[in-house]
Amino acid sequence: MTLEILSAEEKVYSGEVDSVIFPGSEGEFQILNNHAPLISSLKNGTIKYSSNKKIHSLEVSGGIVEVLNNKVNALIEK
């Protein structure tokens, strides 16, 4: 699936990933390939995503995530 992480200042990440874990406002949640459509708010925490068998992390102070048709868009506050 494709992950795109954007902040007001820049495109932080764009590429293929195996999974993503978000700090949702109601608790942490994971997105995998073929996930159902979803829109959620994010709270202060860490986004973790795996790509090419490597785990990356990114600290955020909030934002919104949308999942639709194997495309994950995250608009974040740093």
C-alpha atoms as a PDB file:
ATOM      1  CA  MET A   1       0.000   0.000   0.000  1.00  0.00           C
ATOM      2  CA  THR A   2       1.050   3.605  -0.484  1.00  0.00           C
ATOM      3  CA  LEU A   3       1.711   5.940   2.443  1.00  0.00           C
ATOM      4  CA  GLU A   4       1.951   9.696   2.095  1.00  0.00           C
ATOM      5  CA  ILE A   5       2.767  11.839   5.126  1.00  0.00           C
ATOM      6  CA  LEU A   6       2.420  15.601   4.708  1.00  0.00           C
ATOM      7  CA  SER A   7       2.971  18.519   7.075  1.00  0.00           C
ATOM      8  CA  ALA A   8       2.163  22.164   6.410  1.00  0.00           C
ATOM      9  CA  GLU A   9       5.817  22.732   5.480  1.00  0.00           C
ATOM     10  CA  GLU A  10       6.782  19.656   3.456  1.00  0.00           C
ATOM     11  CA  LYS A  11       6.141  16.171   2.128  1.00  0.00           C
ATOM     12  CA  VAL A  12       7.631  14.072   4.911  1.00  0.00           C
ATOM     13  CA  TYR A  13       7.328  10.629   3.293  1.00  0.00           C
ATOM     14  CA  SER A  14       5.831   9.091   0.165  1.00  0.00           C
ATOM     15  CA  GLY A  15       6.240   5.454  -0.774  1.00  0.00           C
ATOM     16  CA  GLU A  16       5.183   1.841  -0.443  1.00  0.00           C
ATOM     17  CA  VAL A  17       4.844   0.349   3.051  1.00  0.00           C
ATOM     18  CA  ASP A  18       3.864  -2.998   4.574  1.00  0.00           C
ATOM     19  CA  SER A  19       2.133  -1.586   7.650  1.00  0.00           C
ATOM     20  CA  VAL A  20       1.614   1.652   9.579  1.00  0.00           C
ATOM     21  CA  ILE A  21       0.852   2.231  13.263  1.00  0.00           C
ATOM     22  CA  PHE A  22      -0.761   5.553  14.200  1.00  0.00           C
ATOM     23  CA  PRO A  23      -1.312   7.266  17.570  1.00  0.00           C
ATOM     24  CA  GLY A  24      -5.089   7.685  17.211  1.00  0.00           C
ATOM     25  CA  SER A  25      -7.001  10.021  19.481  1.00  0.00           C
ATOM     26  CA  GLU A  26      -8.848   6.965  20.889  1.00  0.00           C
ATOM     27  CA  GLY A  27      -5.739   4.754  21.007  1.00  0.00           C
ATOM     28  CA  GLU A  28      -3.029   3.302  18.807  1.00  0.00           C
ATOM     29  CA  PHE A  29      -4.150   1.476  15.634  1.00  0.00           C
ATOM     30  CA  GLN A  30      -2.481  -0.388  12.784  1.00  0.00           C
ATOM     31  CA  ILE A  31      -3.208  -0.230   9.052  1.00  0.00           C
ATOM     32  CA  LEU A  32      -2.379  -3.193   6.816  1.00  0.00           C
ATOM     33  CA  ASN A  33      -2.895  -3.835   3.109  1.00  0.00           C
ATOM     34  CA  ASN A  34      -6.581  -3.930   2.020  1.00  0.00           C
ATOM     35  CA  HIS A  35      -7.755  -2.142   5.189  1.00  0.00           C
ATOM     36  CA  ALA A  36     -11.347  -0.887   5.250  1.00  0.00           C
ATOM     37  CA  PRO A  37     -11.871   2.832   4.505  1.00  0.00           C
ATOM     38  CA  LEU A  38     -11.170   4.969   7.569  1.00  0.00           C
ATOM     39  CA  ILE A  39     -10.757   8.566   8.714  1.00  0.00           C
ATOM     40  CA  SER A  40      -9.282   9.244  12.154  1.00  0.00           C
ATOM     41  CA  SER A  41      -7.735  12.055  14.141  1.00  0.00           C
ATOM     42  CA  LEU A  42      -4.251  11.669  15.573  1.00  0.00           C
ATOM     43  CA  LYS A  43      -2.873  12.713  18.936  1.00  0.00           C
ATOM     44  CA  ASN A  44       0.631  13.438  20.154  1.00  0.00           C
ATOM     45  CA  GLY A  45       2.765  10.322  19.622  1.00  0.00           C
ATOM     46  CA  THR A  46       4.769   8.281  17.127  1.00  0.00           C
ATOM     47  CA  ILE A  47       3.856   7.062  13.649  1.00  0.00           C
ATOM     48  CA  LYS A  48       5.678   3.786  12.928  1.00  0.00           C
ATOM     49  CA  TYR A  49       5.809   2.347   9.425  1.00  0.00           C
ATOM     50  CA  SER A  50       7.661  -0.586   7.885  1.00  0.00           C
ATOM     51  CA  SER A  51       9.161  -0.410   4.435  1.00  0.00           C
ATOM     52  CA  ASN A  52      11.650  -2.872   2.878  1.00  0.00           C
ATOM     53  CA  LYS A  53      11.844  -4.760   6.205  1.00  0.00           C
ATOM     54  CA  LYS A  54      12.953  -1.600   8.056  1.00  0.00           C
ATOM     55  CA  ILE A  55      10.881   0.141  10.718  1.00  0.00           C
ATOM     56  CA  HIS A  56      10.801   3.944  10.613  1.00  0.00           C
ATOM     57  CA  SER A  57       9.306   6.277  13.187  1.00  0.00           C
ATOM     58  CA  LEU A  58       8.132   9.877  13.169  1.00  0.00           C
ATOM     59  CA  GLU A  59       7.060  11.999  16.133  1.00  0.00           C
ATOM     60  CA  VAL A  60       3.857  13.987  15.612  1.00  0.00           C
ATOM     61  CA  SER A  61       1.787  16.320  17.756  1.00  0.00           C
ATOM     62  CA  GLY A  62      -1.512  15.580  16.009  1.00  0.00           C
ATOM     63  CA  GLY A  63      -3.184  15.354  12.638  1.00  0.00           C
ATOM     64  CA  ILE A  64      -5.647  13.402  10.522  1.00  0.00           C
ATOM     65  CA  VAL A  65      -5.302  10.125   8.613  1.00  0.00           C
ATOM     66  CA  GLU A  66      -7.421   8.798   5.735  1.00  0.00           C
ATOM     67  CA  VAL A  67      -7.322   5.224   4.402  1.00  0.00           C
ATOM     68  CA  LEU A  68      -8.959   4.435   1.054  1.00  0.00           C
ATOM     69  CA  ASN A  69      -8.165   1.825  -1.628  1.00  0.00           C
ATOM     70  CA  ASN A  70      -4.706   0.902  -0.254  1.00  0.00           C
ATOM     71  CA  LYS A  71      -3.662   4.567  -0.063  1.00  0.00           C
ATOM     72  CA  VAL A  72      -2.956   6.063   3.349  1.00  0.00           C
ATOM     73  CA  ASN A  73      -2.778   9.873   3.595  1.00  0.00           C
ATOM     74  CA  ALA A  74      -1.639  11.471   6.836  1.00  0.00           C
ATOM     75  CA  LEU A  75      -1.762  15.229   7.382  1.00  0.00           C
ATOM     76  CA  ILE A  76       0.365  15.833  10.442  1.00  0.00           C
ATOM     77  CA  GLU A  77       1.398  18.517  12.881  1.00  0.00           C
ATOM     78  CA  LYS A  78       5.040  18.299  13.885  1.00  0.00           C
END
